[in-house]
C-alpha atoms as a PDB file:
ATOM      1  CA  MET A   1     -32.585 -20.197 -21.133  1.00  0.00           C
ATOM      2  CA  LYS A   2     -32.929 -16.584 -22.254  1.00  0.00           C
ATOM      3  CA  GLU A   3     -29.696 -14.566 -22.229  1.00  0.00           C
ATOM      4  CA  LEU A   4     -29.553 -11.532 -20.353  1.00  0.00           C
ATOM      5  CA  ARG A   5     -28.323  -8.686 -22.525  1.00  0.00           C
ATOM      6  CA  PRO A   6     -27.324  -6.674 -20.992  1.00  0.00           C
ATOM      7  CA  THR A   7     -26.034  -8.034 -17.912  1.00  0.00           C
ATOM      8  CA  PHE A   8     -25.425  -6.511 -14.277  1.00  0.00           C
ATOM      9  CA  LYS A   9     -21.473  -6.804 -15.788  1.00  0.00           C
ATOM     10  CA  THR A  10     -22.151  -4.546 -18.643  1.00  0.00           C
ATOM     11  CA  ASP A  11     -20.050  -1.378 -18.420  1.00  0.00           C
ATOM     12  CA  THR A  12     -22.776   1.187 -19.330  1.00  0.00           C
ATOM     13  CA  LEU A  13     -25.398  -0.403 -17.358  1.00  0.00           C
ATOM     14  CA  PHE A  14     -23.456  -0.923 -14.477  1.00  0.00           C
ATOM     15  CA  LYS A  15     -22.502   2.797 -14.188  1.00  0.00           C
ATOM     16  CA  LEU A  16     -25.836   4.143 -15.069  1.00  0.00           C
ATOM     17  CA  LEU A  17     -28.083   1.890 -12.914  1.00  0.00           C
ATOM     18  CA  PHE A  18     -26.142   2.601  -9.947  1.00  0.00           C
ATOM     19  CA  THR A  19     -25.210   6.187 -10.157  1.00  0.00           C
ATOM     20  CA  LYS A  20     -28.900   6.691 -10.680  1.00  0.00           C
ATOM     21  CA  ASN A  21     -29.738   4.579  -7.739  1.00  0.00           C
ATOM     22  CA  GLN A  22     -27.342   5.624  -5.421  1.00  0.00           C
ATOM     23  CA  HIS A  23     -29.309   4.214  -2.484  1.00  0.00           C
ATOM     24  CA  LEU A  24     -28.599   0.959  -3.748  1.00  0.00           C
ATOM     25  CA  LEU A  25     -25.013   1.780  -4.723  1.00  0.00           C
ATOM     26  CA  LYS A  26     -24.293   2.542  -0.789  1.00  0.00           C
ATOM     27  CA  LYS A  27     -25.752  -0.893   0.015  1.00  0.00           C
ATOM     28  CA  LEU A  28     -23.928  -2.826  -2.198  1.00  0.00           C
ATOM     29  CA  VAL A  29     -20.355  -1.178  -1.172  1.00  0.00           C
ATOM     30  CA  ALA A  30     -21.512  -1.743   1.903  1.00  0.00           C
ATOM     31  CA  HIS A  31     -21.801  -5.503   1.457  1.00  0.00           C
ATOM     32  CA  LEU A  32     -18.309  -5.539  -0.393  1.00  0.00           C
ATOM     33  CA  LEU A  33     -16.146  -3.855   2.326  1.00  0.00           C
ATOM     34  CA  LYS A  34     -18.259  -5.343   5.274  1.00  0.00           C
ATOM     35  CA  ILE A  35     -19.409  -2.327   6.730  1.00  0.00           C
ATOM     36  CA  PRO A  36     -23.031  -1.422   8.266  1.00  0.00           C
ATOM     37  CA  VAL A  37     -24.724   1.006   5.968  1.00  0.00           C
ATOM     38  CA  ASP A  38     -25.834   2.604   8.984  1.00  0.00           C
ATOM     39  CA  ASP A  39     -22.130   3.506   9.592  1.00  0.00           C
ATOM     40  CA  ILE A  40     -21.760   5.366   6.393  1.00  0.00           C
ATOM     41  CA  SER A  41     -22.244   8.783   7.101  1.00  0.00           C
ATOM     42  CA  GLN A  42     -20.944  10.229   4.018  1.00  0.00           C
ATOM     43  CA  PHE A  43     -21.516   9.217   0.636  1.00  0.00           C
ATOM     44  CA  ASP A  44     -20.824  11.228  -2.215  1.00  0.00           C
ATOM     45  CA  VAL A  45     -20.367   9.699  -6.103  1.00  0.00           C
ATOM     46  CA  ARG A  46     -17.899  12.163  -7.710  1.00  0.00           C
ATOM     47  CA  ASN A  47     -18.061  10.998 -11.552  1.00  0.00           C
ATOM     48  CA  THR A  48     -21.535  10.296 -12.523  1.00  0.00           C
ATOM     49  CA  GLU A  49     -21.158  11.083 -16.163  1.00  0.00           C
ATOM     50  CA  ASN A  50     -21.504   8.032 -18.055  1.00  0.00           C
ATOM     51  CA  THR A  51     -19.943   8.933 -21.682  1.00  0.00           C
ATOM     52  CA  PRO A  52     -16.657   7.317 -22.443  1.00  0.00           C
ATOM     53  CA  ASP A  53     -13.684   8.717 -21.010  1.00  0.00           C
ATOM     54  CA  ILE A  54     -10.724   8.706 -23.212  1.00  0.00           C
ATOM     55  CA  TYR A  55      -7.749   8.879 -21.335  1.00  0.00           C
ATOM     56  CA  GLY A  56      -4.126   8.716 -23.275  1.00  0.00           C
ATOM     57  CA  LYS A  57      -5.931   7.961 -26.290  1.00  0.00           C
ATOM     58  CA  LYS A  58      -7.013   4.711 -24.712  1.00  0.00           C
ATOM     59  CA  LEU A  59     -10.575   4.002 -23.975  1.00  0.00           C
ATOM     60  CA  CYS A  60     -11.092   3.727 -20.106  1.00  0.00           C
ATOM     61  CA  ARG A  61     -13.683   1.438 -18.787  1.00  0.00           C
ATOM     62  CA  LEU A  62     -16.487   3.041 -16.604  1.00  0.00           C
ATOM     63  CA  ASP A  63     -16.106   3.015 -12.751  1.00  0.00           C
ATOM     64  CA  ILE A  64     -17.836   4.568 -10.064  1.00  0.00           C
ATOM     65  CA  LEU A  65     -15.533   7.223  -7.504  1.00  0.00           C
ATOM     66  CA  MET A  66     -16.857   7.803  -4.207  1.00  0.00           C
ATOM     67  CA  ILE A  67     -16.393   9.293  -1.042  1.00  0.00           C
ATOM     68  CA  LEU A  68     -17.465   7.084   2.027  1.00  0.00           C
ATOM     69  CA  ASN A  69     -16.576   8.599   5.239  1.00  0.00           C
ATOM     70  CA  GLY A  70     -13.819  10.529   4.035  1.00  0.00           C
ATOM     71  CA  GLU A  71     -12.059   7.931   2.166  1.00  0.00           C
ATOM     72  CA  TYR A  72     -11.812   7.222  -1.476  1.00  0.00           C
ATOM     73  CA  VAL A  73     -13.559   4.315  -3.059  1.00  0.00           C
ATOM     74  CA  ASN A  74     -13.538   3.518  -6.387  1.00  0.00           C
ATOM     75  CA  LEU A  75     -15.756   0.274  -8.112  1.00  0.00           C
ATOM     76  CA  GLU A  76     -15.377  -1.319 -11.149  1.00  0.00           C
ATOM     77  CA  VAL A  77     -16.442  -4.592 -13.323  1.00  0.00           C
ATOM     78  CA  GLN A  78     -13.767  -5.961 -15.417  1.00  0.00           C
ATOM     79  CA  VAL A  79     -15.397  -8.859 -17.751  1.00  0.00           C
ATOM     80  CA  LYS A  80     -12.241  -9.358 -20.349  1.00  0.00           C
ATOM     81  CA  ASP A  81      -8.995 -10.718 -18.815  1.00  0.00           C
ATOM     82  CA  GLU A  82      -6.065  -8.719 -21.016  1.00  0.00           C
ATOM     83  CA  GLY A  83      -3.297  -9.882 -18.840  1.00  0.00           C
ATOM     84  CA  ASP A  84      -2.515  -6.787 -16.912  1.00  0.00           C
ATOM     85  CA  PHE A  85      -5.335  -6.405 -14.605  1.00  0.00           C
ATOM     86  CA  PRO A  86      -3.331  -6.147 -11.558  1.00  0.00           C
ATOM     87  CA  GLU A  87      -1.023  -3.428 -12.978  1.00  0.00           C
ATOM     88  CA  ARG A  88      -3.924  -1.519 -14.322  1.00  0.00           C
ATOM     89  CA  THR A  89      -5.749  -1.762 -10.742  1.00  0.00           C
ATOM     90  CA  LEU A  90      -2.645  -0.392  -9.343  1.00  0.00           C
ATOM     91  CA  PHE A  91      -2.418   2.314 -11.872  1.00  0.00           C
ATOM     92  CA  TYR A  92      -5.981   3.363 -11.270  1.00  0.00           C
ATOM     93  CA  TRP A  93      -5.374   3.565  -7.324  1.00  0.00           C
ATOM     94  CA  ALA A  94      -2.063   5.792  -7.837  1.00  0.00           C
ATOM     95  CA  ARG A  95      -3.983   8.185 -10.211  1.00  0.00           C
ATOM     96  CA  ILE A  96      -6.833   8.597  -7.682  1.00  0.00           C
ATOM     97  CA  TYR A  97      -4.586   8.647  -4.777  1.00  0.00           C
ATOM     98  CA  SER A  98      -2.717  11.288  -6.164  1.00  0.00           C
ATOM     99  CA  ASN A  99      -5.176  13.355  -7.371  1.00  0.00           C
ATOM    100  CA  SER A 100      -6.456  13.755  -4.086  1.00  0.00           C
ATOM    101  CA  LEU A 101      -3.908  16.110  -2.789  1.00  0.00           C
ATOM    102  CA  SER A 102      -5.394  19.425  -3.441  1.00  0.00           C
ATOM    103  CA  SER A 103      -3.176  22.297  -4.244  1.00  0.00           C
ATOM    104  CA  GLY A 104      -1.000  23.230  -1.028  1.00  0.00           C
ATOM    105  CA  GLY A 105      -1.999  20.154   1.337  1.00  0.00           C
ATOM    106  CA  THR A 106       0.034  17.859   2.642  1.00  0.00           C
ATOM    107  CA  TYR A 107       1.083  14.126   2.472  1.00  0.00           C
ATOM    108  CA  ILE A 108      -0.276  13.078   6.001  1.00  0.00           C
ATOM    109  CA  LYS A 109      -4.227  14.341   4.527  1.00  0.00           C
ATOM    110  CA  LEU A 110      -4.122  12.015   1.391  1.00  0.00           C
ATOM    111  CA  PRO A 111      -7.213   9.944   1.941  1.00  0.00           C
ATOM    112  CA  LYS A 112      -7.492   6.284   2.192  1.00  0.00           C
ATOM    113  CA  THR A 113      -7.911   5.070  -1.276  1.00  0.00           C
ATOM    114  CA  ILE A 114      -9.645   1.725  -1.735  1.00  0.00           C
ATOM    115  CA  ILE A 115     -10.186  -0.022  -5.159  1.00  0.00           C
ATOM    116  CA  ILE A 116     -13.057  -2.513  -5.323  1.00  0.00           C
ATOM    117  CA  SER A 117     -12.843  -5.046  -8.531  1.00  0.00           C
ATOM    118  CA  ILE A 118     -15.421  -7.289  -9.730  1.00  0.00           C
ATOM    119  CA  VAL A 119     -13.805  -9.461 -12.322  1.00  0.00           C
ATOM    120  CA  ASP A 120     -15.422 -12.068 -14.507  1.00  0.00           C
ATOM    121  CA  PHE A 121     -12.353 -14.414 -15.120  1.00  0.00           C
ATOM    122  CA  PRO A 122     -10.041 -16.126 -12.456  1.00  0.00           C
ATOM    123  CA  LEU A 123      -7.592 -13.891 -11.186  1.00  0.00           C
ATOM    124  CA  PHE A 124      -5.377 -15.704  -8.829  1.00  0.00           C
ATOM    125  CA  ASP A 125      -4.359 -19.323  -9.251  1.00  0.00           C
ATOM    126  CA  ASP A 126      -3.203 -19.894  -5.412  1.00  0.00           C
ATOM    127  CA  THR A 127      -6.757 -19.589  -3.758  1.00  0.00           C
ATOM    128  CA  ASP A 128      -9.972 -20.848  -4.356  1.00  0.00           C
ATOM    129  CA  ASP A 129     -11.604 -17.786  -2.193  1.00  0.00           C
ATOM    130  CA  PHE A 130     -13.689 -15.484  -4.234  1.00  0.00           C
ATOM    131  CA  HIS A 131     -12.406 -12.423  -2.290  1.00  0.00           C
ATOM    132  CA  SER A 132      -8.831 -11.492  -1.929  1.00  0.00           C
ATOM    133  CA  GLU A 133      -7.742  -8.122  -0.467  1.00  0.00           C
ATOM    134  CA  PHE A 134      -4.266  -6.639  -0.749  1.00  0.00           C
ATOM    135  CA  GLN A 135      -2.607  -4.024   1.384  1.00  0.00           C
ATOM    136  CA  LEU A 136       1.592  -2.527   1.702  1.00  0.00           C
ATOM    137  CA  LEU A 137       2.620  -4.928   4.598  1.00  0.00           C
ATOM    138  CA  GLU A 138       6.240  -5.967   5.281  1.00  0.00           C
ATOM    139  CA  VAL A 139       7.431  -9.165   3.899  1.00  0.00           C
ATOM    140  CA  SER A 140       8.404 -10.962   7.068  1.00  0.00           C
ATOM    141  CA  ARG A 141       6.478  -9.299   9.642  1.00  0.00           C
ATOM    142  CA  LYS A 142       3.466  -8.496   7.534  1.00  0.00           C
ATOM    143  CA  THR A 143       3.747  -5.148   9.673  1.00  0.00           C
ATOM    144  CA  PRO A 144       1.439  -2.439   7.379  1.00  0.00           C
ATOM    145  CA  LEU A 145       3.488   0.391   5.798  1.00  0.00           C
ATOM    146  CA  THR A 146       0.155   2.436   5.957  1.00  0.00           C
ATOM    147  CA  ASP A 147      -3.341   1.860   5.483  1.00  0.00           C
ATOM    148  CA  ARG A 148      -3.876   4.544   2.615  1.00  0.00           C
ATOM    149  CA  GLN A 149      -3.928   1.503  -0.068  1.00  0.00           C
ATOM    150  CA  VAL A 150      -6.476  -1.038   0.162  1.00  0.00           C
ATOM    151  CA  LEU A 151      -7.361  -3.209  -3.454  1.00  0.00           C
ATOM    152  CA  HIS A 152     -10.351  -5.620  -3.245  1.00  0.00           C
ATOM    153  CA  PHE A 153     -10.991  -8.331  -5.918  1.00  0.00           C
ATOM    154  CA  PHE A 154     -13.667 -10.247  -6.039  1.00  0.00           C
ATOM    155  CA  GLU A 155     -13.627 -13.147  -8.647  1.00  0.00           C
ATOM    156  CA  LEU A 156     -17.236 -13.971 -10.128  1.00  0.00           C
ATOM    157  CA  LYS A 157     -15.974 -17.203 -11.654  1.00  0.00           C
ATOM    158  CA  LYS A 158     -15.036 -18.527  -8.034  1.00  0.00           C
ATOM    159  CA  LEU A 159     -18.577 -18.161  -6.541  1.00  0.00           C
ATOM    160  CA  PRO A 160     -19.856 -21.120  -4.864  1.00  0.00           C
ATOM    161  CA  GLU A 161     -22.859 -23.049  -6.567  1.00  0.00           C
ATOM    162  CA  GLU A 162     -25.033 -22.782  -3.764  1.00  0.00           C
ATOM    163  CA  ILE A 163     -26.872 -19.672  -2.598  1.00  0.00           C
ATOM    164  CA  ASP A 164     -27.049 -18.357   1.103  1.00  0.00           C
ATOM    165  CA  GLU A 165     -29.981 -16.358   1.405  1.00  0.00           C
ATOM    166  CA  ASN A 166     -28.592 -14.845   4.538  1.00  0.00           C
ATOM    167  CA  ASN A 167     -25.316 -13.739   3.001  1.00  0.00           C
ATOM    168  CA  LEU A 168     -25.931 -10.517   0.938  1.00  0.00           C
ATOM    169  CA  LEU A 169     -22.650  -9.863  -0.459  1.00  0.00           C
ATOM    170  CA  LEU A 170     -22.635 -13.463  -1.694  1.00  0.00           C
ATOM    171  CA  ILE A 171     -26.430 -12.910  -3.339  1.00  0.00           C
ATOM    172  CA  TRP A 172     -25.104  -9.435  -4.629  1.00  0.00           C
ATOM    173  CA  LEU A 173     -22.531 -11.244  -6.723  1.00  0.00           C
ATOM    174  CA  LYS A 174     -24.913 -13.518  -7.926  1.00  0.00           C
ATOM    175  CA  LEU A 175     -26.557 -10.826  -9.367  1.00  0.00           C
ATOM    176  CA  PHE A 176     -23.450  -9.673 -11.092  1.00  0.00           C
ATOM    177  CA  ASN A 177     -22.821 -13.530 -12.331  1.00  0.00           C
ATOM    178  CA  ALA A 178     -26.410 -13.704 -13.731  1.00  0.00           C
ATOM    179  CA  ASN A 179     -26.332 -14.303 -17.532  1.00  0.00           C
ATOM    180  CA  THR A 180     -29.903 -15.763 -18.076  1.00  0.00           C
ATOM    181  CA  GLU A 181     -33.396 -14.433 -16.936  1.00  0.00           C
ATOM    182  CA  GLU A 182     -33.636 -17.955 -15.079  1.00  0.00           C
ATOM    183  CA  GLU A 183     -30.832 -16.960 -13.195  1.00  0.00           C
ATOM    184  CA  LEU A 184     -32.184 -13.281 -12.357  1.00  0.00           C
ATOM    185  CA  GLN A 185     -35.497 -14.880 -11.499  1.00  0.00           C
ATOM    186  CA  MET A 186     -33.965 -17.490  -9.106  1.00  0.00           C
ATOM    187  CA  ILE A 187     -32.274 -14.737  -7.015  1.00  0.00           C
ATOM    188  CA  ASP A 188     -35.329 -12.325  -7.024  1.00  0.00           C
ATOM    189  CA  ASP A 189     -37.466 -15.403  -5.761  1.00  0.00           C
ATOM    190  CA  LEU A 190     -35.268 -15.261  -2.581  1.00  0.00           C
ATOM    191  CA  GLY A 191     -37.153 -12.221  -1.418  1.00  0.00           C
ATOM    192  CA  VAL A 192     -34.580 -10.123  -0.187  1.00  0.00           C
ATOM    193  CA  SER A 193     -35.847  -6.463  -0.661  1.00  0.00           C
ATOM    194  CA  GLU A 194     -32.744  -4.445  -2.108  1.00  0.00           C
ATOM    195  CA  ILE A 195     -31.832  -7.554  -4.310  1.00  0.00           C
ATOM    196  CA  SER A 196     -35.445  -7.470  -6.112  1.00  0.00           C
ATOM    197  CA  GLU A 197     -35.370  -3.452  -6.005  1.00  0.00           C
ATOM    198  CA  ALA A 198     -31.959  -3.569  -7.605  1.00  0.00           C
ATOM    199  CA  ILE A 199     -33.516  -6.026 -10.542  1.00  0.00           C
ATOM    200  CA  THR A 200     -36.593  -3.766 -10.818  1.00  0.00           C
ATOM    201  CA  ALA A 201     -33.854  -1.173 -11.345  1.00  0.00           C
ATOM    202  CA  TYR A 202     -32.395  -3.078 -13.716  1.00  0.00           C
ATOM    203  CA  ARG A 203     -35.173  -3.461 -15.947  1.00  0.00           C
ATOM    204  CA  THR A 204     -36.346  -0.073 -15.874  1.00  0.00           C
ATOM    205  CA  VAL A 205     -32.709   1.226 -17.233  1.00  0.00           C
ATOM    206  CA  THR A 206     -32.405  -1.542 -19.741  1.00  0.00           C
ATOM    207  CA  SER A 207     -35.458  -0.203 -21.259  1.00  0.00           C
ATOM    208  CA  SER A 208     -34.725   3.618 -21.226  1.00  0.00           C
ATOM    209  CA  GLU A 209     -33.997   5.844 -24.326  1.00  0.00           C
ATOM    210  CA  GLU A 210     -30.986   7.065 -22.051  1.00  0.00           C
ATOM    211  CA  TYR A 211     -29.343   3.456 -21.865  1.00  0.00           C
ATOM    212  CA  GLN A 212     -29.827   2.765 -25.407  1.00  0.00           C
ATOM    213  CA  GLU A 213     -28.103   6.119 -26.405  1.00  0.00           C
ATOM    214  CA  LEU A 214     -25.446   5.381 -24.221  1.00  0.00           C
ATOM    215  CA  GLU A 215     -24.617   2.125 -25.163  1.00  0.00           C
ATOM    216  CA  ARG A 216     -24.715   3.171 -28.968  1.00  0.00           C
ATOM    217  CA  ILE A 217     -22.111   6.017 -28.107  1.00  0.00           C
ATOM    218  CA  TYR A 218     -19.924   3.469 -26.166  1.00  0.00           C
ATOM    219  CA  VAL A 219     -20.018   0.981 -28.784  1.00  0.00           C
ATOM    220  CA  LYS A 220     -19.195   3.551 -31.466  1.00  0.00           C
ATOM    221  CA  ALA A 221     -16.244   4.332 -29.116  1.00  0.00           C
ATOM    222  CA  GLU A 222     -14.865   0.856 -28.929  1.00  0.00           C
ATOM    223  CA  LEU A 223     -15.091   0.642 -32.726  1.00  0.00           C
ATOM    224  CA  ASP A 224     -13.182   3.905 -32.848  1.00  0.00           C
ATOM    225  CA  GLU A 225     -10.357   2.578 -30.348  1.00  0.00           C
ATOM    226  CA  ARG A 226     -10.266  -1.072 -32.367  1.00  0.00           C
ATOM    227  CA  GLN A 227      -9.782   1.030 -35.534  1.00  0.00           C
ATOM    228  CA  ARG A 228      -7.020   3.268 -34.514  1.00  0.00           C
ATOM    229  CA  THR A 229      -5.316   0.284 -33.104  1.00  0.00           C
ATOM    230  CA  TYR A 230      -5.626  -1.711 -36.480  1.00  0.00           C
ATOM    231  CA  ASN A 231      -4.170   1.685 -38.089  1.00  0.00           C
ATOM    232  CA  ALA A 232      -1.380   1.885 -36.105  1.00  0.00           C
ATOM    233  CA  ILE A 233      -0.633  -1.889 -36.389  1.00  0.00           C
ATOM    234  CA  ARG A 234      -0.992  -1.519 -40.421  1.00  0.00           C
ATOM    235  CA  ARG A 235       1.105   1.701 -40.266  1.00  0.00           C
ATOM    236  CA  ALA A 236       3.939  -0.229 -38.171  1.00  0.00           C
ATOM    237  CA  THR A 237       3.793  -3.192 -40.385  1.00  0.00           C
ATOM    238  CA  ALA A 238       4.186  -0.945 -43.670  1.00  0.00           C
ATOM    239  CA  GLU A 239       7.159   0.860 -42.025  1.00  0.00           C
ATOM    240  CA  LYS A 240       8.644  -2.546 -41.224  1.00  0.00           C
ATOM    241  CA  ASP A 241       8.456  -3.959 -44.793  1.00  0.00           C
ATOM    242  CA  ALA A 242       9.542  -0.738 -46.046  1.00  0.00           C
ATOM    243  CA  GLU A 243      13.040  -1.160 -43.785  1.00  0.00           C
ATOM    244  CA  ILE A 244      13.493  -5.030 -44.460  1.00  0.00           C
ATOM    245  CA  ALA A 245      13.144  -4.122 -48.019  1.00  0.00           C
ATOM    246  CA  GLU A 246      15.642  -1.372 -47.922  1.00  0.00           C
ATOM    247  CA  LYS A 247      17.833  -4.115 -46.034  1.00  0.00           C
ATOM    248  CA  VAL A 248      17.377  -6.583 -48.730  1.00  0.00           C
ATOM    249  CA  LYS A 249      18.102  -3.983 -51.411  1.00  0.00           C
ATOM    250  CA  GLU A 250      21.399  -3.094 -49.293  1.00  0.00           C
ATOM    251  CA  ASN A 251      22.300  -6.686 -48.883  1.00  0.00           C
ATOM    252  CA  ASP A 252      21.696  -7.017 -52.718  1.00  0.00           C
ATOM    253  CA  GLU A 253      24.344  -4.334 -53.607  1.00  0.00           C
ATOM    254  CA  LEU A 254      26.552  -5.626 -51.361  1.00  0.00           C
ATOM    255  CA  ARG A 255      26.728  -9.004 -52.521  1.00  0.00           C
ATOM    256  CA  LYS A 256      26.713  -7.877 -56.177  1.00  0.00           C
ATOM    257  CA  GLN A 257      29.940  -5.787 -55.134  1.00  0.00           C
ATOM    258  CA  ILE A 258      31.462  -8.951 -53.266  1.00  0.00           C
ATOM    259  CA  GLU A 259      30.849 -10.754 -56.483  1.00  0.00           C
ATOM    260  CA  ALA A 260      32.207  -8.592 -58.788  1.00  0.00           C
ATOM    261  CA  LEU A 261      35.621  -8.321 -56.752  1.00  0.00           C
ATOM    262  CA  LYS A 262      35.857 -12.186 -56.754  1.00  0.00           C
ATOM    263  CA  ALA A 263      35.420 -12.117 -60.102  1.00  0.00           C
ATOM    264  CA  GLY A 264      38.175  -9.538 -60.486  1.00  0.00           C
ATOM    265  CA  ASN A 265      40.508 -11.446 -58.500  1.00  0.00           C
ATOM    266  CA  THR A 266      39.765 -14.375 -60.451  1.00  0.00           C
ATOM    267  CA  GLY A 267      40.960 -12.674 -63.425  1.00  0.00           C
ATOM    268  CA  LYS A 268      44.249 -11.786 -62.127  1.00  0.00           C
END
């Protein structure tokens, strides 16, 4: 089998592909949120830039922020399980939600903010369902506090083996889950027009000079981040070693003083 490089899960490919083909992005988001495409009257992508974003000296993953019928929707793909994904997702939601309040605006005008995360690792141990949706609910009564916070998680590792050609949501997710040319061709053979168009767009973007340059920039940014982390760890280790050495020296001096006192007492 021929391995796909990149895949639809690759950060740079994902964002470049869908910001350049926003009609496909619109259909994808409609399926993820289970709303008819024709019901979307407003669809505005807010962050079409594709260069790496450094936030708080940390390389942020590439996501796509949209306004959909007055609601903020953020879509991202996460491949690596770094152990803090739910907390990171909540942080991103809070940042988008708070930033949407204009100067002089009132809290009641804050928009519904939806985070959609497609993840390539098991996230929740208590379910085999590939889709989980979270909202703010009262614990006992399940009464919603507000409809302004919605978090969707789609776990690719939990997708069923069989492809239902009538389930467009599942087919889109299978597209993200494809790791080989054979899998991609199998999906294309289903004959779903929007999926075949997405595959054609994938091949066009991956062969473009723009994507190759973007990938080079992003790889360099990741290497720079790793180097900064390594240097920070090395400095911290050196400082700790120096601190330990100083403690050893102090203890050695104390030991000598105690031995001297003991010798003096013995002499008496």
